[in-house]
Each structure stands twice: as C-alpha cells, then as structure tokens.
Amino acid sequence: MHADGTSHVHEHDLDHDHHNDHKDNITDVGDHSGYTQTGQTRITILENLLSENDRVADDNGRRLAVSGVCAVNLMSSPGAGKTTLLRKTLEKLGASVRIGVLEGDIATSLDADKLEGAGATAISVVNTSAGFGGECHLDAVMVQSGMERLPLPELDLLIIENVGNLVCPAEFRVGEYARAMVFAVTEGEEKPLKYPVMFRAADVVVVNKVDLLPHLDFDLDAFLSNVTAVNPKARVIMASARTGEGVDEWCAWLAAQGPLTPTLSEV
C-alpha cells in the first residue's frame, strides 16, 4: 500500500515462508478476513449506492450550471475551522459575489447561526439526523434537498459546508465543481498519509491555524511533503481564519473557479 492509497500485489516465483521473510519490517494490523463470506455482496451494494448518488449528483450539477452557479464542496475534520473561514469569506466577498451557503451538520443550526449577517445571499441548513439517518457526511440527495430552499438564479457561488469528518465526505459527489479542504495544523503532519482519500479528493488544501505554529511541534515541511505524495496537484494555501492571514488568497481561488459546468460522472 502506497502513500497515495494505491496498492498492488508482489508476485513471487519461488515458494518461501513469506511471514518469516518480512516479520522484521511489518506491523501487525490485525485480521481483516471477516468479510470473506459477504465481501462481494457488500461491494455490489456499495456500487449501487454510489451509482445512484452519482446520478443525483449529475442532476444537481446540471441544475447549478443552468443557473450559472459554481458550487464548492468545503470539507474538513471537526474543529478545523471551516465555519470561521467561511464567515471571513462572506465578509470579504459577500458585497461583490452573490454567495449561497448550504450548511451540513448532523444536528443543530449552530454553524449556520454563526454565519448570519456575514454577507451570504441565502443560507440553507441540512441536518442529516432529520430524515437522512444521521449520516456523517452529505450526499447528493441531501444537497438536492438543501438546494430546494435556495434561490439558485440569484446566486453566483454556492459553498457547501460538509459535515465535519475526515473520511466519508470525500467519497460522495454532490454536484460540486470543485472540492476544498480545510486542515488545521493542530491535527498532525501525518494526516495526508492516514487519510489519503480526503487529501486526494481536494483541489485546494487550506492549512488553517498557522498562527499557532510557534506553539506546536508541527513539522510543516513533512506535512507538505506528505500532501505532495498523496496529491501532487493540490494547491496549498497557508492561512489563519482567526487573524485573516491567507484569506485573500483563498478568496481569490474561490473567485477564479467561475460558474462552469461540473464534470459529470459519465464524461
């Protein structure tokens, strides 16, 4: 298994004791043979679920494109600073760009409440516990539901603040044109290697809370190297939503996305 999440099998020409050959340089990660009987069924179910999600995501993307709206899926782990960065974004761009926010959370409207009065044209809240099973991510159907409560023809940009989670949100397309990830330096430099799916999915990684670097044992060079190993195409923006550092660069990236037709799954 490589840092970017890809894997392959080494074929051996000679019979030998594989365990003894490698026992000194491997780590025991447990027995993962529990799905041998149900593995194919699980794969079929997951493929069907993701196929249906992609169909709805494509519908969402077409609807956004017709309205001339560019959608950005904003993802992060809990507490990385998505909402604070989003408020700074609204304060910076709200007067010149018509921004809608689709606020995703398992429960409550606390994050949406923090954005009130900051410059959003409209805000729609989607609680995954309200009829969606309390999922730890937004999927295309949930976003479709939230879009019904937004005046799309009156928007230029839709920012979808996904549920705080470093795994599942990256696995579900929702009709977005681009994906952005907020990463806090308090999370540790190894995270791109431990959660490659999220980092691989991001078009831009906003490294937040850099004002805390002098107080942390965070290896920034190692982190940047790990990001490159997993996703060499990702743009990295150093920022502090608290002090405002990097917010202009982030807003410039957002403004440059434009109301373009999203990439559809069949293309």
Protein backbone atom coordinates (compact mmCIF):
# COMPACT_ATOMS: atom_id res chain seq x y z
CA MET A 1 0.00 0.00 0.00
CA HIS A 2 1.46 3.32 -1.06
CA ALA A 3 1.03 6.80 0.40
CA ASP A 4 -1.44 7.78 -2.32
CA GLY A 5 -3.77 4.92 -1.40
CA THR A 6 -2.91 2.69 -4.35
CA SER A 7 -1.82 -0.88 -3.78
CA HIS A 8 -0.52 -3.88 -5.67
CA VAL A 9 0.48 -7.47 -5.06
CA HIS A 10 4.06 -8.69 -5.35
CA GLU A 11 4.20 -11.97 -7.23
CA HIS A 12 6.88 -14.43 -6.15
CA ASP A 13 8.46 -17.02 -8.42
CA LEU A 14 9.70 -19.23 -5.61
CA ASP A 15 7.84 -20.76 -2.71
CA HIS A 16 9.09 -19.48 0.60
CA ASP A 17 7.97 -18.53 4.08
CA HIS A 18 6.56 -15.07 3.41
CA HIS A 19 5.92 -14.45 7.10
CA ASN A 20 9.49 -15.16 8.14
CA ASP A 21 10.91 -13.09 5.30
CA HIS A 22 9.01 -9.98 6.32
CA LYS A 23 8.34 -10.38 10.01
CA ASP A 24 11.05 -7.91 10.95
CA ASN A 25 9.73 -5.00 8.90
CA ILE A 26 5.95 -5.18 9.04
CA THR A 27 3.41 -4.11 11.60
CA ASP A 28 0.57 -6.39 12.61
CA VAL A 29 -2.63 -4.52 11.75
CA GLY A 30 -4.98 -7.36 12.66
CA ASP A 31 -7.02 -9.97 10.87
CA HIS A 32 -9.21 -8.48 8.11
CA SER A 33 -10.66 -11.74 6.83
CA GLY A 34 -14.07 -11.24 8.45
CA TYR A 35 -15.78 -10.22 5.19
CA THR A 36 -14.74 -13.24 3.15
CA GLN A 37 -18.31 -14.56 3.02
CA THR A 38 -20.08 -11.24 2.45
CA GLY A 39 -17.42 -9.27 0.60
CA GLN A 40 -18.92 -9.50 -2.89
CA THR A 41 -22.39 -8.62 -1.60
CA ARG A 42 -21.00 -5.58 0.20
CA ILE A 43 -19.20 -4.44 -2.94
CA THR A 44 -22.38 -4.80 -5.03
CA ILE A 45 -24.44 -2.82 -2.53
CA LEU A 46 -21.85 -0.06 -2.31
CA GLU A 47 -21.57 0.15 -6.09
CA ASN A 48 -25.33 0.50 -6.40
CA LEU A 49 -25.48 3.17 -3.70
CA LEU A 50 -22.65 5.21 -5.22
CA SER A 51 -24.11 4.83 -8.72
CA GLU A 52 -27.43 6.29 -7.58
CA ASN A 53 -25.61 9.04 -5.70
CA ASP A 54 -23.64 9.94 -8.83
CA ARG A 55 -26.85 10.11 -10.86
CA VAL A 56 -28.35 12.64 -8.43
CA ALA A 57 -25.04 14.49 -8.24
CA ASP A 58 -25.07 14.89 -12.01
CA ASP A 59 -28.62 16.24 -11.81
CA ASN A 60 -27.51 18.71 -9.16
CA GLY A 61 -24.56 19.77 -11.29
CA ARG A 62 -26.75 20.37 -14.34
CA ARG A 63 -29.20 22.42 -12.31
CA LEU A 64 -26.41 24.55 -10.88
CA ALA A 65 -24.86 25.03 -14.31
CA VAL A 66 -28.18 26.15 -15.82
CA SER A 67 -28.46 28.74 -13.05
CA GLY A 68 -24.87 29.87 -13.60
CA VAL A 69 -23.80 28.83 -10.11
CA CYS A 70 -20.38 27.44 -9.21
CA ALA A 71 -20.55 25.03 -6.25
CA VAL A 72 -17.59 24.30 -3.98
CA ASN A 73 -17.68 21.40 -1.53
CA LEU A 74 -15.89 22.54 1.66
CA MET A 75 -14.67 19.62 3.77
CA SER A 76 -12.59 19.09 6.91
CA SER A 77 -12.40 17.24 10.20
CA PRO A 78 -14.45 18.66 13.11
CA GLY A 79 -12.88 21.77 14.58
CA ALA A 80 -10.52 22.55 11.70
CA GLY A 81 -12.08 25.98 11.24
CA LYS A 82 -14.39 25.64 8.22
CA THR A 83 -17.11 27.86 9.66
CA THR A 84 -14.72 30.59 10.83
CA LEU A 85 -13.05 30.63 7.41
CA LEU A 86 -16.45 30.69 5.75
CA ARG A 87 -17.53 33.70 7.77
CA LYS A 88 -14.34 35.53 6.80
CA THR A 89 -15.07 34.58 3.20
CA LEU A 90 -18.58 36.01 3.32
CA GLU A 91 -17.30 39.23 4.89
CA LYS A 92 -14.69 39.55 2.16
CA LEU A 93 -16.69 38.56 -0.92
CA GLY A 94 -20.33 38.99 0.09
CA ALA A 95 -20.62 42.52 -1.27
CA SER A 96 -19.37 41.60 -4.76
CA VAL A 97 -20.29 37.94 -5.16
CA ARG A 98 -23.75 36.52 -4.51
CA ILE A 99 -22.94 33.62 -2.23
CA GLY A 100 -25.28 30.92 -1.04
CA VAL A 101 -24.33 28.58 1.78
CA LEU A 102 -25.60 25.04 2.23
CA GLU A 103 -24.75 24.20 5.82
CA GLY A 104 -24.47 20.48 6.58
CA ASP A 105 -24.39 19.06 10.08
CA ILE A 106 -25.66 16.01 11.88
CA ALA A 107 -27.79 18.21 14.15
CA THR A 108 -28.48 21.87 15.10
CA SER A 109 -28.14 25.10 13.14
CA LEU A 110 -25.25 26.38 15.28
CA ASP A 111 -22.82 26.85 12.39
CA ALA A 112 -25.46 28.48 10.21
CA ASP A 113 -26.31 30.84 13.07
CA LYS A 114 -22.66 31.95 13.20
CA LEU A 115 -22.88 32.96 9.53
CA GLU A 116 -25.98 35.13 9.87
CA GLY A 117 -25.32 38.72 8.88
CA ALA A 118 -21.87 37.99 7.44
CA GLY A 119 -22.85 38.60 3.82
CA ALA A 120 -24.49 35.45 2.49
CA THR A 121 -27.32 35.95 0.00
CA ALA A 122 -29.06 32.85 1.37
CA ILE A 123 -28.35 30.01 3.80
CA SER A 124 -29.89 26.55 3.75
CA VAL A 125 -29.42 24.06 6.60
CA VAL A 126 -29.34 20.30 6.12
CA ASN A 127 -29.31 18.17 9.27
CA THR A 128 -28.51 14.57 8.42
CA SER A 129 -30.38 13.45 11.54
CA ALA A 130 -33.61 14.93 10.16
CA GLY A 131 -34.74 12.09 7.91
CA PHE A 132 -31.35 11.11 6.49
CA GLY A 133 -30.23 8.63 9.13
CA GLY A 134 -27.78 10.91 10.92
CA GLU A 135 -25.04 10.32 8.36
CA CYS A 136 -21.52 11.66 8.95
CA HIS A 137 -21.44 13.31 5.51
CA LEU A 138 -23.60 15.00 2.91
CA ASP A 139 -24.58 13.03 -0.15
CA ALA A 140 -26.16 14.18 -3.41
CA VAL A 141 -29.76 13.63 -2.22
CA MET A 142 -29.17 15.71 0.91
CA VAL A 143 -27.65 18.51 -1.14
CA GLN A 144 -30.54 18.30 -3.58
CA SER A 145 -32.89 18.79 -0.64
CA GLY A 146 -30.94 21.81 0.58
CA MET A 147 -30.82 23.34 -2.89
CA GLU A 148 -34.62 23.38 -2.98
CA ARG A 149 -34.51 26.08 -0.30
CA LEU A 150 -32.02 28.29 -2.12
CA PRO A 151 -32.75 30.91 -4.83
CA LEU A 152 -30.22 29.50 -7.30
CA PRO A 153 -30.85 32.10 -10.08
CA GLU A 154 -29.87 34.78 -7.56
CA LEU A 155 -26.51 33.18 -6.73
CA ASP A 156 -23.06 33.18 -8.30
CA LEU A 157 -21.36 30.84 -5.85
CA LEU A 158 -22.65 28.05 -3.61
CA ILE A 159 -20.40 26.93 -0.77
CA ILE A 160 -21.41 23.56 0.65
CA GLU A 161 -20.05 23.22 4.17
CA ASN A 162 -19.95 19.48 4.61
CA VAL A 163 -20.27 17.58 7.88
CA GLY A 164 -17.02 17.60 9.85
CA ASN A 165 -15.39 14.28 9.01
CA LEU A 166 -12.01 13.39 7.52
CA VAL A 167 -13.23 10.30 5.65
CA CYS A 168 -16.77 9.97 4.30
CA PRO A 169 -17.43 13.41 2.72
CA ALA A 170 -14.69 12.79 0.15
CA GLU A 171 -16.40 9.62 -1.08
CA PHE A 172 -19.66 11.24 -2.19
CA ARG A 173 -20.02 13.58 -5.16
CA VAL A 174 -22.78 16.10 -4.62
CA GLY A 175 -22.74 18.08 -7.89
CA GLU A 176 -19.86 20.40 -6.98
CA TYR A 177 -17.46 21.97 -9.45
CA ALA A 178 -14.51 21.91 -7.04
CA ARG A 179 -13.55 20.48 -3.67
CA ALA A 180 -11.74 22.38 -0.95
CA MET A 181 -10.33 21.02 2.27
CA VAL A 182 -9.53 22.91 5.47
CA PHE A 183 -6.76 21.34 7.53
CA ALA A 184 -5.71 22.61 10.97
CA VAL A 185 -2.05 22.37 11.96
CA THR A 186 -3.20 21.00 15.32
CA GLU A 187 -4.17 17.76 13.55
CA GLY A 188 -0.64 16.50 12.87
CA GLU A 189 1.61 16.29 9.82
CA GLU A 190 0.88 12.60 9.21
CA LYS A 191 -2.79 13.08 8.31
CA PRO A 192 -2.35 13.02 4.49
CA LEU A 193 -0.87 9.53 4.81
CA LYS A 194 -3.52 8.28 7.24
CA TYR A 195 -6.48 9.79 5.37
CA PRO A 196 -5.37 9.80 1.71
CA VAL A 197 -8.88 9.71 0.22
CA MET A 198 -9.74 13.15 1.60
CA PHE A 199 -6.45 14.77 0.59
CA ARG A 200 -6.54 13.10 -2.83
CA ALA A 201 -10.03 14.47 -3.46
CA ALA A 202 -9.14 18.10 -2.67
CA ASP A 203 -8.38 20.65 -5.37
CA VAL A 204 -7.07 23.02 -2.71
CA VAL A 205 -5.91 22.44 0.87
CA VAL A 206 -6.25 25.43 3.18
CA VAL A 207 -3.77 24.92 6.01
CA ASN A 208 -5.52 26.74 8.84
CA LYS A 209 -4.44 27.98 12.27
CA VAL A 210 -0.89 28.73 11.15
CA ASP A 211 -0.76 31.40 13.85
CA LEU A 212 -0.39 28.50 16.30
CA LEU A 213 2.74 27.08 14.63
CA PRO A 214 5.18 28.70 17.08
CA HIS A 215 3.45 26.86 19.90
CA LEU A 216 3.26 23.41 18.27
CA ASP A 217 5.64 20.58 17.43
CA PHE A 218 4.23 20.51 13.90
CA ASP A 219 6.60 19.60 11.08
CA LEU A 220 5.32 21.79 8.25
CA ASP A 221 7.86 20.53 5.72
CA ALA A 222 6.91 16.92 6.44
CA PHE A 223 3.21 17.79 6.09
CA LEU A 224 3.73 19.49 2.73
CA SER A 225 5.79 16.54 1.55
CA ASN A 226 3.01 14.17 2.62
CA VAL A 227 0.40 16.22 0.76
CA THR A 228 2.54 16.12 -2.38
CA ALA A 229 2.99 12.36 -2.04
CA VAL A 230 -0.77 11.84 -1.93
CA ASN A 231 -1.95 14.62 -4.24
CA PRO A 232 0.79 16.48 -6.15
CA LYS A 233 -1.80 18.60 -7.98
CA ALA A 234 -3.42 20.08 -4.89
CA ARG A 235 -2.88 23.77 -4.29
CA VAL A 236 -1.88 24.60 -0.72
CA ILE A 237 -2.83 27.88 0.95
CA MET A 238 -1.38 28.81 4.32
CA ALA A 239 -3.99 30.61 6.39
CA SER A 240 -5.35 31.66 9.74
CA ALA A 241 -9.07 32.30 9.78
CA ARG A 242 -8.62 33.96 13.18
CA THR A 243 -6.04 36.56 12.10
CA GLY A 244 -7.08 36.79 8.44
CA GLU A 245 -3.77 35.53 7.07
CA GLY A 246 -4.25 33.78 3.73
CA VAL A 247 -7.95 34.69 3.46
CA ASP A 248 -7.33 36.93 0.44
CA GLU A 249 -5.53 34.10 -1.37
CA TRP A 250 -8.34 31.69 -0.52
CA CYS A 251 -10.99 34.15 -1.74
CA ALA A 252 -9.04 34.70 -4.96
CA TRP A 253 -9.02 30.94 -5.53
CA LEU A 254 -12.78 30.82 -4.96
CA ALA A 255 -13.46 33.74 -7.29
CA ALA A 256 -11.36 32.13 -10.02
CA GLN A 257 -13.49 28.97 -10.12
CA GLY A 258 -16.31 30.53 -12.11
CA PRO A 259 -19.78 29.20 -12.99
CA LEU A 260 -18.55 26.31 -15.13
CA THR A 261 -20.27 23.07 -15.97
CA PRO A 262 -19.24 20.43 -13.38
CA THR A 263 -17.51 17.27 -14.51
CA LEU A 264 -20.19 14.62 -14.86
CA SER A 265 -19.59 11.00 -13.93
CA GLU A 266 -20.19 9.76 -17.46
CA VAL A 267 -17.62 12.10 -19.04
